[in-house]
């Protein structure tokens, strides 16, 4: 955008169109996009579900619960509610949390004069993330409670070749979640127009609500091994309220570590981060774009490309430790 001052043409300062697109784009946009996509590709290749889900996830959940999280049946609703929160907490290491931290990361640098202002600036984005996340998690919990074992998650009969309804649901949901992240990342880098421009003009916190909904959507795709006990228990109970509460607590536990890290950075490193981001235009955009591109590329490749490779529809390399 340009303007005139005393007959001279000057460039107007860039204007943010939404929380994720601040107008100060990276100078090397192509490099940021390339490295982000490559990072997602390498992460999808190297990701070990056995290590993350079985060893880290189940071990952490068992330590927190005080018993074997894998083989101990859930005895009653109270046990299920506790397991929901603990399993979500133990499963914090997800690609979606990478995108969440990329979304709120630049907000760490917001300058605040008082401790109360720092707390408000830190809690506000987390609150809007929760606003988007809980309706999706709770709504899916209600569906599981209503329809029980008739949900696609419990069906193994193939619908096309060797693709079961459970696998097809995972590919569709995670594929859409990943594509949304990729579009946000490309917009943050200045490669695509901001898709949230119009809605953010009326509702500035809409981007955070959207990311929260994506976090909730991770439960819909396919429950990780750590979550399957809860999913089956909620289905067998046929209690929509229990399903809503349990799935909501699981999502809250899933982002709790990220939220605590964000609060810690806001209080301890808020001013230094602000100075670092302000030192060079484009740093905040680079951080946001990179997080969304890595998380989006990983989600699409891991849950769609890799699965098609495992079903022999296409070729996909398998890391030696995942053999």
C-alpha atoms as a PDB file:
ATOM      1  CA  UNK A   1       0.000   0.000   0.000  1.00  0.00           C
ATOM      2  CA  UNK A   2       1.320   3.473  -0.861  1.00  0.00           C
ATOM      3  CA  UNK A   3       0.425   7.048  -0.020  1.00  0.00           C
ATOM      4  CA  UNK A   4       1.656  10.578  -0.683  1.00  0.00           C
ATOM      5  CA  UNK A   5       3.180  13.044   1.757  1.00  0.00           C
ATOM      6  CA  UNK A   6       4.056  16.500   0.455  1.00  0.00           C
ATOM      7  CA  UNK A   7       4.148  15.195  -3.073  1.00  0.00           C
ATOM      8  CA  UNK A   8       6.319  12.181  -2.328  1.00  0.00           C
ATOM      9  CA  UNK A   9       5.175   8.575  -2.569  1.00  0.00           C
ATOM     10  CA  UNK A  10       5.907   6.500   0.525  1.00  0.00           C
ATOM     11  CA  UNK A  11       5.120   2.956   1.486  1.00  0.00           C
ATOM     12  CA  UNK A  12       2.509   2.539   4.178  1.00  0.00           C
ATOM     13  CA  UNK A  13       3.343   0.150   6.999  1.00  0.00           C
ATOM     14  CA  UNK A  14       2.056  -3.384   6.498  1.00  0.00           C
ATOM     15  CA  UNK A  15      -1.248  -4.172   8.132  1.00  0.00           C
ATOM     16  CA  UNK A  16      -2.160  -7.402   9.890  1.00  0.00           C
ATOM     17  CA  UNK A  17      -5.209  -9.140   8.447  1.00  0.00           C
ATOM     18  CA  UNK A  18      -5.569 -11.742  11.216  1.00  0.00           C
ATOM     19  CA  UNK A  19      -3.704 -13.081  14.213  1.00  0.00           C
ATOM     20  CA  UNK A  20      -1.621 -15.416  12.037  1.00  0.00           C
ATOM     21  CA  UNK A  21      -0.947 -12.983   9.178  1.00  0.00           C
ATOM     22  CA  UNK A  22       0.737  -9.827  10.472  1.00  0.00           C
ATOM     23  CA  UNK A  23       1.860  -8.456   7.101  1.00  0.00           C
ATOM     24  CA  UNK A  24       5.560  -8.617   8.010  1.00  0.00           C
ATOM     25  CA  UNK A  25       6.429 -11.607   5.879  1.00  0.00           C
ATOM     26  CA  UNK A  26       9.791 -13.419   5.801  1.00  0.00           C
ATOM     27  CA  UNK A  27      12.215 -12.165   3.189  1.00  0.00           C
ATOM     28  CA  UNK A  28      12.967 -15.696   2.022  1.00  0.00           C
ATOM     29  CA  UNK A  29       9.434 -17.004   1.795  1.00  0.00           C
ATOM     30  CA  UNK A  30      10.296 -19.873  -0.539  1.00  0.00           C
ATOM     31  CA  UNK A  31      13.005 -21.097   1.841  1.00  0.00           C
ATOM     32  CA  UNK A  32      10.657 -20.952   4.846  1.00  0.00           C
ATOM     33  CA  UNK A  33       8.002 -22.936   2.967  1.00  0.00           C
ATOM     34  CA  UNK A  34      10.513 -25.469   1.638  1.00  0.00           C
ATOM     35  CA  UNK A  35      12.084 -26.090   5.055  1.00  0.00           C
ATOM     36  CA  UNK A  36       8.674 -26.310   6.731  1.00  0.00           C
ATOM     37  CA  UNK A  37       7.380 -28.898   4.261  1.00  0.00           C
ATOM     38  CA  UNK A  38      10.649 -30.808   4.393  1.00  0.00           C
ATOM     39  CA  UNK A  39      10.483 -30.807   8.188  1.00  0.00           C
ATOM     40  CA  UNK A  40       6.989 -32.308   8.082  1.00  0.00           C
ATOM     41  CA  UNK A  41       8.115 -34.919   5.547  1.00  0.00           C
ATOM     42  CA  UNK A  42      11.115 -35.989   7.622  1.00  0.00           C
ATOM     43  CA  UNK A  43       9.010 -36.083  10.781  1.00  0.00           C
ATOM     44  CA  UNK A  44       6.429 -38.323   9.077  1.00  0.00           C
ATOM     45  CA  UNK A  45       9.209 -40.649   7.914  1.00  0.00           C
ATOM     46  CA  UNK A  46      10.940 -40.813  11.291  1.00  0.00           C
ATOM     47  CA  UNK A  47       7.873 -40.832  13.557  1.00  0.00           C
ATOM     48  CA  UNK A  48       7.670 -43.983  15.651  1.00  0.00           C
ATOM     49  CA  UNK A  49       4.166 -44.618  16.936  1.00  0.00           C
ATOM     50  CA  UNK A  50       5.520 -47.518  18.981  1.00  0.00           C
ATOM     51  CA  UNK A  51       7.911 -45.210  20.817  1.00  0.00           C
ATOM     52  CA  UNK A  52       5.500 -42.301  21.264  1.00  0.00           C
ATOM     53  CA  UNK A  53       2.288 -44.227  21.976  1.00  0.00           C
ATOM     54  CA  UNK A  54       3.430 -47.487  23.527  1.00  0.00           C
ATOM     55  CA  UNK A  55       6.598 -46.625  25.394  1.00  0.00           C
ATOM     56  CA  UNK A  56       6.260 -42.936  26.258  1.00  0.00           C
ATOM     57  CA  UNK A  57       2.468 -42.639  26.354  1.00  0.00           C
ATOM     58  CA  UNK A  58       1.583 -45.842  28.203  1.00  0.00           C
ATOM     59  CA  UNK A  59       4.589 -45.554  30.533  1.00  0.00           C
ATOM     60  CA  UNK A  60       3.693 -41.996  31.521  1.00  0.00           C
ATOM     61  CA  UNK A  61       0.009 -42.862  31.975  1.00  0.00           C
ATOM     62  CA  UNK A  62       0.842 -45.917  34.079  1.00  0.00           C
ATOM     63  CA  UNK A  63       3.102 -43.849  36.331  1.00  0.00           C
ATOM     64  CA  UNK A  64       0.458 -41.169  36.805  1.00  0.00           C
ATOM     65  CA  UNK A  65      -2.366 -43.654  37.411  1.00  0.00           C
ATOM     66  CA  UNK A  66      -0.382 -46.043  39.572  1.00  0.00           C
ATOM     67  CA  UNK A  67      -1.393 -49.112  37.556  1.00  0.00           C
ATOM     68  CA  UNK A  68      -1.025 -50.600  34.078  1.00  0.00           C
ATOM     69  CA  UNK A  69      -2.790 -48.155  31.749  1.00  0.00           C
ATOM     70  CA  UNK A  70      -2.838 -50.654  28.893  1.00  0.00           C
ATOM     71  CA  UNK A  71      -4.415 -53.737  30.480  1.00  0.00           C
ATOM     72  CA  UNK A  72      -6.326 -52.474  33.514  1.00  0.00           C
ATOM     73  CA  UNK A  73     -10.045 -52.171  32.643  1.00  0.00           C
ATOM     74  CA  UNK A  74     -11.891 -48.975  33.477  1.00  0.00           C
ATOM     75  CA  UNK A  75     -14.144 -49.681  36.436  1.00  0.00           C
ATOM     76  CA  UNK A  76     -16.896 -47.087  36.431  1.00  0.00           C
ATOM     77  CA  UNK A  77     -17.353 -43.536  35.228  1.00  0.00           C
ATOM     78  CA  UNK A  78     -15.082 -41.940  37.850  1.00  0.00           C
ATOM     79  CA  UNK A  79     -12.188 -44.144  36.754  1.00  0.00           C
ATOM     80  CA  UNK A  80     -12.929 -43.254  33.151  1.00  0.00           C
ATOM     81  CA  UNK A  81     -12.913 -39.528  33.883  1.00  0.00           C
ATOM     82  CA  UNK A  82      -9.539 -39.808  35.637  1.00  0.00           C
ATOM     83  CA  UNK A  83      -8.145 -41.925  32.804  1.00  0.00           C
ATOM     84  CA  UNK A  84      -9.401 -39.375  30.260  1.00  0.00           C
ATOM     85  CA  UNK A  85      -7.388 -36.529  31.751  1.00  0.00           C
ATOM     86  CA  UNK A  86      -4.282 -38.617  32.453  1.00  0.00           C
ATOM     87  CA  UNK A  87      -4.236 -40.225  28.991  1.00  0.00           C
ATOM     88  CA  UNK A  88      -4.601 -36.801  27.379  1.00  0.00           C
ATOM     89  CA  UNK A  89      -1.729 -35.491  29.488  1.00  0.00           C
ATOM     90  CA  UNK A  90       0.450 -38.502  28.663  1.00  0.00           C
ATOM     91  CA  UNK A  91      -0.316 -38.042  24.953  1.00  0.00           C
ATOM     92  CA  UNK A  92       0.829 -34.421  24.845  1.00  0.00           C
ATOM     93  CA  UNK A  93       3.551 -35.110  22.279  1.00  0.00           C
ATOM     94  CA  UNK A  94       1.504 -34.607  19.114  1.00  0.00           C
ATOM     95  CA  UNK A  95       2.022 -32.690  15.893  1.00  0.00           C
ATOM     96  CA  UNK A  96      -1.094 -30.646  16.608  1.00  0.00           C
ATOM     97  CA  UNK A  97       0.562 -29.176  19.682  1.00  0.00           C
ATOM     98  CA  UNK A  98       3.395 -28.000  17.423  1.00  0.00           C
ATOM     99  CA  UNK A  99       0.848 -25.965  15.481  1.00  0.00           C
ATOM    100  CA  UNK A 100      -0.832 -24.749  18.662  1.00  0.00           C
ATOM    101  CA  UNK A 101       2.446 -23.436  20.005  1.00  0.00           C
ATOM    102  CA  UNK A 102       3.155 -21.850  16.639  1.00  0.00           C
ATOM    103  CA  UNK A 103      -0.203 -20.107  16.890  1.00  0.00           C
ATOM    104  CA  UNK A 104       0.324 -18.695  20.376  1.00  0.00           C
ATOM    105  CA  UNK A 105       4.131 -18.540  20.323  1.00  0.00           C
ATOM    106  CA  UNK A 106       4.415 -14.989  18.936  1.00  0.00           C
ATOM    107  CA  UNK A 107       1.987 -13.853  21.632  1.00  0.00           C
ATOM    108  CA  UNK A 108       4.667 -14.604  24.216  1.00  0.00           C
ATOM    109  CA  UNK A 109       6.330 -11.429  23.069  1.00  0.00           C
ATOM    110  CA  UNK A 110       3.415  -9.148  23.896  1.00  0.00           C
ATOM    111  CA  UNK A 111       4.728  -6.357  26.088  1.00  0.00           C
ATOM    112  CA  UNK A 112       2.995  -6.002  29.463  1.00  0.00           C
ATOM    113  CA  UNK A 113       3.874  -3.616  32.264  1.00  0.00           C
ATOM    114  CA  UNK A 114       2.453  -5.547  35.205  1.00  0.00           C
ATOM    115  CA  UNK A 115       2.282  -9.182  36.292  1.00  0.00           C
ATOM    116  CA  UNK A 116      -1.505  -9.066  35.979  1.00  0.00           C
ATOM    117  CA  UNK A 117      -1.277  -7.833  32.388  1.00  0.00           C
ATOM    118  CA  UNK A 118       1.141 -10.633  31.539  1.00  0.00           C
ATOM    119  CA  UNK A 119      -1.248 -13.172  33.044  1.00  0.00           C
ATOM    120  CA  UNK A 120      -4.222 -11.770  31.109  1.00  0.00           C
ATOM    121  CA  UNK A 121      -2.247 -11.684  27.849  1.00  0.00           C
ATOM    122  CA  UNK A 122      -1.241 -15.306  28.389  1.00  0.00           C
ATOM    123  CA  UNK A 123      -4.627 -16.659  29.457  1.00  0.00           C
ATOM    124  CA  UNK A 124      -6.671 -14.922  26.750  1.00  0.00           C
ATOM    125  CA  UNK A 125      -5.348 -16.939  23.756  1.00  0.00           C
ATOM    126  CA  UNK A 126      -5.504 -20.169  25.741  1.00  0.00           C
ATOM    127  CA  UNK A 127      -9.104 -19.383  26.601  1.00  0.00           C
ATOM    128  CA  UNK A 128     -10.072 -18.863  22.961  1.00  0.00           C
ATOM    129  CA  UNK A 129      -8.300 -22.085  21.989  1.00  0.00           C
ATOM    130  CA  UNK A 130     -10.430 -23.867  24.567  1.00  0.00           C
ATOM    131  CA  UNK A 131     -13.575 -22.230  23.186  1.00  0.00           C
ATOM    132  CA  UNK A 132     -12.890 -23.851  19.820  1.00  0.00           C
ATOM    133  CA  UNK A 133     -11.663 -27.170  21.204  1.00  0.00           C
ATOM    134  CA  UNK A 134     -14.292 -28.157  23.768  1.00  0.00           C
ATOM    135  CA  UNK A 135     -17.408 -28.105  21.536  1.00  0.00           C
ATOM    136  CA  UNK A 136     -15.701 -30.456  19.066  1.00  0.00           C
ATOM    137  CA  UNK A 137     -14.402 -32.819  21.764  1.00  0.00           C
ATOM    138  CA  UNK A 138     -17.627 -32.793  23.759  1.00  0.00           C
ATOM    139  CA  UNK A 139     -19.771 -33.155  20.641  1.00  0.00           C
ATOM    140  CA  UNK A 140     -17.847 -36.220  19.522  1.00  0.00           C
ATOM    141  CA  UNK A 141     -18.077 -37.653  23.034  1.00  0.00           C
ATOM    142  CA  UNK A 142     -21.860 -37.269  22.849  1.00  0.00           C
ATOM    143  CA  UNK A 143     -21.931 -39.143  19.529  1.00  0.00           C
ATOM    144  CA  UNK A 144     -19.823 -41.969  20.963  1.00  0.00           C
ATOM    145  CA  UNK A 145     -22.145 -42.164  23.965  1.00  0.00           C
ATOM    146  CA  UNK A 146     -25.230 -42.255  21.743  1.00  0.00           C
ATOM    147  CA  UNK A 147     -24.126 -44.644  18.991  1.00  0.00           C
ATOM    148  CA  UNK A 148     -21.656 -46.763  20.973  1.00  0.00           C
ATOM    149  CA  UNK A 149     -19.918 -49.558  19.123  1.00  0.00           C
ATOM    150  CA  UNK A 150     -21.759 -48.701  15.910  1.00  0.00           C
ATOM    151  CA  UNK A 151     -19.220 -45.900  15.398  1.00  0.00           C
ATOM    152  CA  UNK A 152     -16.786 -46.422  12.487  1.00  0.00           C
ATOM    153  CA  UNK A 153     -13.933 -46.708  15.001  1.00  0.00           C
ATOM    154  CA  UNK A 154     -15.134 -50.214  15.853  1.00  0.00           C
ATOM    155  CA  UNK A 155     -15.604 -51.444  12.295  1.00  0.00           C
ATOM    156  CA  UNK A 156     -12.845 -53.404  10.591  1.00  0.00           C
ATOM    157  CA  UNK A 157     -14.767 -54.560   7.492  1.00  0.00           C
ATOM    158  CA  UNK A 158     -13.110 -53.077   4.388  1.00  0.00           C
ATOM    159  CA  UNK A 159     -15.090 -50.579   2.320  1.00  0.00           C
ATOM    160  CA  UNK A 160     -12.605 -50.417  -0.551  1.00  0.00           C
ATOM    161  CA  UNK A 161      -9.886 -52.976  -0.930  1.00  0.00           C
ATOM    162  CA  UNK A 162      -8.169 -53.139   2.453  1.00  0.00           C
ATOM    163  CA  UNK A 163      -9.330 -49.729   3.712  1.00  0.00           C
ATOM    164  CA  UNK A 164     -11.678 -50.107   6.687  1.00  0.00           C
ATOM    165  CA  UNK A 165     -14.201 -47.441   7.802  1.00  0.00           C
ATOM    166  CA  UNK A 166     -11.931 -46.691  10.771  1.00  0.00           C
ATOM    167  CA  UNK A 167      -8.952 -46.094   8.522  1.00  0.00           C
ATOM    168  CA  UNK A 168     -10.997 -44.106   6.018  1.00  0.00           C
ATOM    169  CA  UNK A 169     -12.278 -41.842   8.782  1.00  0.00           C
ATOM    170  CA  UNK A 170      -8.730 -41.216   9.974  1.00  0.00           C
ATOM    171  CA  UNK A 171      -7.516 -40.381   6.481  1.00  0.00           C
ATOM    172  CA  UNK A 172     -10.368 -37.958   5.811  1.00  0.00           C
ATOM    173  CA  UNK A 173     -10.302 -36.160   9.160  1.00  0.00           C
ATOM    174  CA  UNK A 174      -6.539 -35.869   9.487  1.00  0.00           C
ATOM    175  CA  UNK A 175      -6.202 -35.000   5.824  1.00  0.00           C
ATOM    176  CA  UNK A 176      -8.594 -32.062   6.246  1.00  0.00           C
ATOM    177  CA  UNK A 177      -6.928 -30.950   9.487  1.00  0.00           C
ATOM    178  CA  UNK A 178      -3.524 -31.062   7.821  1.00  0.00           C
ATOM    179  CA  UNK A 179      -4.700 -29.139   4.759  1.00  0.00           C
ATOM    180  CA  UNK A 180      -6.152 -26.381   6.947  1.00  0.00           C
ATOM    181  CA  UNK A 181      -2.821 -26.094   8.762  1.00  0.00           C
ATOM    182  CA  UNK A 182      -0.948 -25.945   5.464  1.00  0.00           C
ATOM    183  CA  UNK A 183      -3.171 -23.142   4.161  1.00  0.00           C
ATOM    184  CA  UNK A 184      -2.695 -21.164   7.383  1.00  0.00           C
ATOM    185  CA  UNK A 185       1.051 -21.703   7.199  1.00  0.00           C
ATOM    186  CA  UNK A 186       1.262 -20.555   3.571  1.00  0.00           C
ATOM    187  CA  UNK A 187      -0.825 -17.483   4.394  1.00  0.00           C
ATOM    188  CA  UNK A 188       1.391 -16.671   7.389  1.00  0.00           C
ATOM    189  CA  UNK A 189       4.406 -16.843   5.073  1.00  0.00           C
ATOM    190  CA  UNK A 190       2.739 -14.496   2.587  1.00  0.00           C
ATOM    191  CA  UNK A 191       2.414 -17.080  -0.170  1.00  0.00           C
ATOM    192  CA  UNK A 192      -1.401 -17.275  -0.125  1.00  0.00           C
ATOM    193  CA  UNK A 193      -4.009 -14.604   0.684  1.00  0.00           C
ATOM    194  CA  UNK A 194      -5.220 -14.726   4.266  1.00  0.00           C
ATOM    195  CA  UNK A 195      -8.316 -17.010   4.272  1.00  0.00           C
ATOM    196  CA  UNK A 196      -9.331 -15.656   7.698  1.00  0.00           C
ATOM    197  CA  UNK A 197      -9.169 -11.997   6.726  1.00  0.00           C
ATOM    198  CA  UNK A 198     -12.897 -11.312   6.580  1.00  0.00           C
ATOM    199  CA  UNK A 199     -13.945 -13.294   9.611  1.00  0.00           C
ATOM    200  CA  UNK A 200     -11.023 -11.948  11.668  1.00  0.00           C
ATOM    201  CA  UNK A 201     -12.091  -8.382  10.828  1.00  0.00           C
ATOM    202  CA  UNK A 202     -15.341  -9.025  12.732  1.00  0.00           C
ATOM    203  CA  UNK A 203     -14.093 -11.613  15.218  1.00  0.00           C
ATOM    204  CA  UNK A 204     -10.372 -11.064  15.932  1.00  0.00           C
ATOM    205  CA  UNK A 205     -10.077 -14.245  17.992  1.00  0.00           C
ATOM    206  CA  UNK A 206     -11.580 -16.489  15.301  1.00  0.00           C
ATOM    207  CA  UNK A 207      -8.140 -17.871  14.242  1.00  0.00           C
ATOM    208  CA  UNK A 208      -7.512 -19.155  17.772  1.00  0.00           C
ATOM    209  CA  UNK A 209     -10.984 -20.696  17.885  1.00  0.00           C
ATOM    210  CA  UNK A 210     -10.242 -22.446  14.589  1.00  0.00           C
ATOM    211  CA  UNK A 211      -6.982 -23.903  15.913  1.00  0.00           C
ATOM    212  CA  UNK A 212      -8.813 -25.088  19.020  1.00  0.00           C
ATOM    213  CA  UNK A 213     -11.341 -26.847  16.797  1.00  0.00           C
ATOM    214  CA  UNK A 214      -8.474 -28.560  14.957  1.00  0.00           C
ATOM    215  CA  UNK A 215      -7.105 -29.814  18.280  1.00  0.00           C
ATOM    216  CA  UNK A 216     -10.521 -31.228  19.117  1.00  0.00           C
ATOM    217  CA  UNK A 217     -10.655 -32.793  15.671  1.00  0.00           C
ATOM    218  CA  UNK A 218      -7.657 -34.982  16.473  1.00  0.00           C
ATOM    219  CA  UNK A 219      -9.937 -37.105  18.658  1.00  0.00           C
ATOM    220  CA  UNK A 220     -12.327 -37.638  15.757  1.00  0.00           C
ATOM    221  CA  UNK A 221      -9.712 -38.962  13.362  1.00  0.00           C
ATOM    222  CA  UNK A 222      -8.720 -42.095  15.193  1.00  0.00           C
ATOM    223  CA  UNK A 223      -8.052 -42.701  18.882  1.00  0.00           C
ATOM    224  CA  UNK A 224      -4.392 -43.386  19.578  1.00  0.00           C
ATOM    225  CA  UNK A 225      -3.676 -46.717  21.345  1.00  0.00           C
ATOM    226  CA  UNK A 226      -3.456 -44.832  24.629  1.00  0.00           C
ATOM    227  CA  UNK A 227      -7.004 -43.491  24.167  1.00  0.00           C
ATOM    228  CA  UNK A 228      -8.728 -46.656  22.955  1.00  0.00           C
ATOM    229  CA  UNK A 229      -9.638 -47.915  26.418  1.00  0.00           C
ATOM    230  CA  UNK A 230     -11.497 -44.691  27.095  1.00  0.00           C
ATOM    231  CA  UNK A 231     -13.156 -44.675  23.684  1.00  0.00           C
ATOM    232  CA  UNK A 232     -14.433 -48.235  24.109  1.00  0.00           C
ATOM    233  CA  UNK A 233     -15.540 -47.554  27.677  1.00  0.00           C
ATOM    234  CA  UNK A 234     -17.516 -44.470  26.612  1.00  0.00           C
ATOM    235  CA  UNK A 235     -19.127 -46.450  23.795  1.00  0.00           C
ATOM    236  CA  UNK A 236     -20.122 -49.324  26.085  1.00  0.00           C
ATOM    237  CA  UNK A 237     -21.492 -47.006  28.782  1.00  0.00           C
ATOM    238  CA  UNK A 238     -23.942 -45.398  26.319  1.00  0.00           C
ATOM    239  CA  UNK A 239     -23.859 -42.220  28.414  1.00  0.00           C
ATOM    240  CA  UNK A 240     -23.623 -39.062  26.236  1.00  0.00           C
ATOM    241  CA  UNK A 241     -22.845 -36.822  29.233  1.00  0.00           C
ATOM    242  CA  UNK A 242     -19.994 -39.070  30.319  1.00  0.00           C
ATOM    243  CA  UNK A 243     -18.680 -39.148  26.760  1.00  0.00           C
ATOM    244  CA  UNK A 244     -18.764 -35.350  26.528  1.00  0.00           C
ATOM    245  CA  UNK A 245     -16.984 -34.846  29.866  1.00  0.00           C
ATOM    246  CA  UNK A 246     -14.388 -37.553  29.261  1.00  0.00           C
ATOM    247  CA  UNK A 247     -13.471 -36.433  25.751  1.00  0.00           C
ATOM    248  CA  UNK A 248     -13.301 -32.790  26.872  1.00  0.00           C
ATOM    249  CA  UNK A 249     -10.945 -33.676  29.723  1.00  0.00           C
ATOM    250  CA  UNK A 250      -8.809 -35.685  27.361  1.00  0.00           C
ATOM    251  CA  UNK A 251      -8.394 -32.687  25.041  1.00  0.00           C
ATOM    252  CA  UNK A 252      -7.624 -30.409  27.994  1.00  0.00           C
ATOM    253  CA  UNK A 253      -4.979 -32.839  29.226  1.00  0.00           C
ATOM    254  CA  UNK A 254      -3.547 -33.038  25.731  1.00  0.00           C
ATOM    255  CA  UNK A 255      -2.747 -29.305  25.577  1.00  0.00           C
ATOM    256  CA  UNK A 256      -1.959 -28.787  29.270  1.00  0.00           C
ATOM    257  CA  UNK A 257       1.812 -29.149  28.893  1.00  0.00           C
ATOM    258  CA  UNK A 258       1.819 -26.697  25.991  1.00  0.00           C
ATOM    259  CA  UNK A 259      -0.328 -24.264  27.982  1.00  0.00           C
ATOM    260  CA  UNK A 260       1.956 -24.432  31.033  1.00  0.00           C
ATOM    261  CA  UNK A 261       5.008 -23.919  28.830  1.00  0.00           C
ATOM    262  CA  UNK A 262       3.356 -20.913  27.221  1.00  0.00           C
ATOM    263  CA  UNK A 263       2.499 -19.408  30.630  1.00  0.00           C
ATOM    264  CA  UNK A 264       6.050 -19.984  31.852  1.00  0.00           C
ATOM    265  CA  UNK A 265       7.555 -18.315  28.793  1.00  0.00           C
ATOM    266  CA  UNK A 266       5.136 -15.405  29.099  1.00  0.00           C
ATOM    267  CA  UNK A 267       6.158 -14.685  32.674  1.00  0.00           C
ATOM    268  CA  UNK A 268       9.865 -15.429  32.442  1.00  0.00           C
ATOM    269  CA  UNK A 269      10.849 -14.588  28.867  1.00  0.00           C
ATOM    270  CA  UNK A 270       8.120 -12.224  27.682  1.00  0.00           C
ATOM    271  CA  UNK A 271      10.317  -9.130  27.318  1.00  0.00           C
ATOM    272  CA  UNK A 272      13.352 -10.908  25.756  1.00  0.00           C
ATOM    273  CA  UNK A 273      11.121 -12.712  23.266  1.00  0.00           C
ATOM    274  CA  UNK A 274       9.412  -9.436  22.370  1.00  0.00           C
ATOM    275  CA  UNK A 275      12.786  -7.798  21.697  1.00  0.00           C
ATOM    276  CA  UNK A 276      13.933 -10.787  19.624  1.00  0.00           C
ATOM    277  CA  UNK A 277      10.765 -10.794  17.508  1.00  0.00           C
ATOM    278  CA  UNK A 278      10.859  -7.017  17.042  1.00  0.00           C
ATOM    279  CA  UNK A 279      14.541  -6.967  16.075  1.00  0.00           C
ATOM    280  CA  UNK A 280      13.794  -8.236  12.566  1.00  0.00           C
ATOM    281  CA  UNK A 281      10.498  -7.921  10.706  1.00  0.00           C
ATOM    282  CA  UNK A 282       9.253 -11.314   9.661  1.00  0.00           C
ATOM    283  CA  UNK A 283      10.502 -13.350  12.601  1.00  0.00           C
ATOM    284  CA  UNK A 284       7.042 -13.779  14.116  1.00  0.00           C
ATOM    285  CA  UNK A 285       5.624 -14.746  10.713  1.00  0.00           C
ATOM    286  CA  UNK A 286       8.462 -17.212  10.190  1.00  0.00           C
ATOM    287  CA  UNK A 287       7.760 -18.864  13.542  1.00  0.00           C
ATOM    288  CA  UNK A 288       4.025 -19.113  12.896  1.00  0.00           C
ATOM    289  CA  UNK A 289       4.375 -20.284   9.289  1.00  0.00           C
ATOM    290  CA  UNK A 290       7.028 -22.873  10.126  1.00  0.00           C
ATOM    291  CA  UNK A 291       4.970 -24.419  12.934  1.00  0.00           C
ATOM    292  CA  UNK A 292       1.838 -24.736  10.808  1.00  0.00           C
ATOM    293  CA  UNK A 293       3.715 -26.009   7.758  1.00  0.00           C
ATOM    294  CA  UNK A 294       5.600 -28.671   9.718  1.00  0.00           C
ATOM    295  CA  UNK A 295       2.476 -29.821  11.557  1.00  0.00           C
ATOM    296  CA  UNK A 296       0.278 -29.696   8.450  1.00  0.00           C
ATOM    297  CA  UNK A 297       2.727 -31.534   6.205  1.00  0.00           C
ATOM    298  CA  UNK A 298       3.318 -34.179   8.866  1.00  0.00           C
ATOM    299  CA  UNK A 299      -0.407 -34.743   9.413  1.00  0.00           C
ATOM    300  CA  UNK A 300      -1.225 -35.141   5.717  1.00  0.00           C
ATOM    301  CA  UNK A 301       1.807 -37.277   4.902  1.00  0.00           C
ATOM    302  CA  UNK A 302       1.656 -39.496   7.987  1.00  0.00           C
ATOM    303  CA  UNK A 303      -2.072 -40.167   7.923  1.00  0.00           C
ATOM    304  CA  UNK A 304      -2.699 -40.229   4.169  1.00  0.00           C
ATOM    305  CA  UNK A 305       0.440 -40.780   2.124  1.00  0.00           C
ATOM    306  CA  UNK A 306       2.026 -43.216   4.617  1.00  0.00           C
ATOM    307  CA  UNK A 307      -1.198 -45.205   5.049  1.00  0.00           C
ATOM    308  CA  UNK A 308      -1.622 -45.524   1.294  1.00  0.00           C
ATOM    309  CA  UNK A 309       1.949 -46.754   1.175  1.00  0.00           C
ATOM    310  CA  UNK A 310       1.322 -49.363   3.872  1.00  0.00           C
ATOM    311  CA  UNK A 311      -1.681 -50.602   1.871  1.00  0.00           C
ATOM    312  CA  UNK A 312       0.538 -50.895  -1.242  1.00  0.00           C
ATOM    313  CA  UNK A 313      -1.385 -48.289  -3.230  1.00  0.00           C
ATOM    314  CA  UNK A 314       1.748 -46.146  -3.537  1.00  0.00           C
ATOM    315  CA  UNK A 315       5.395 -46.411  -2.515  1.00  0.00           C
ATOM    316  CA  UNK A 316       6.431 -45.010   0.844  1.00  0.00           C
ATOM    317  CA  UNK A 317       9.808 -45.622   2.543  1.00  0.00           C
ATOM    318  CA  UNK A 318       9.782 -47.163   6.014  1.00  0.00           C
ATOM    319  CA  UNK A 319      12.375 -46.115   8.562  1.00  0.00           C
ATOM    320  CA  UNK A 320      14.494 -49.047   9.853  1.00  0.00           C
ATOM    321  CA  UNK A 321      13.246 -48.509  13.425  1.00  0.00           C
ATOM    322  CA  UNK A 322       9.625 -48.752  12.204  1.00  0.00           C
ATOM    323  CA  UNK A 323      10.059 -52.008  10.322  1.00  0.00           C
END
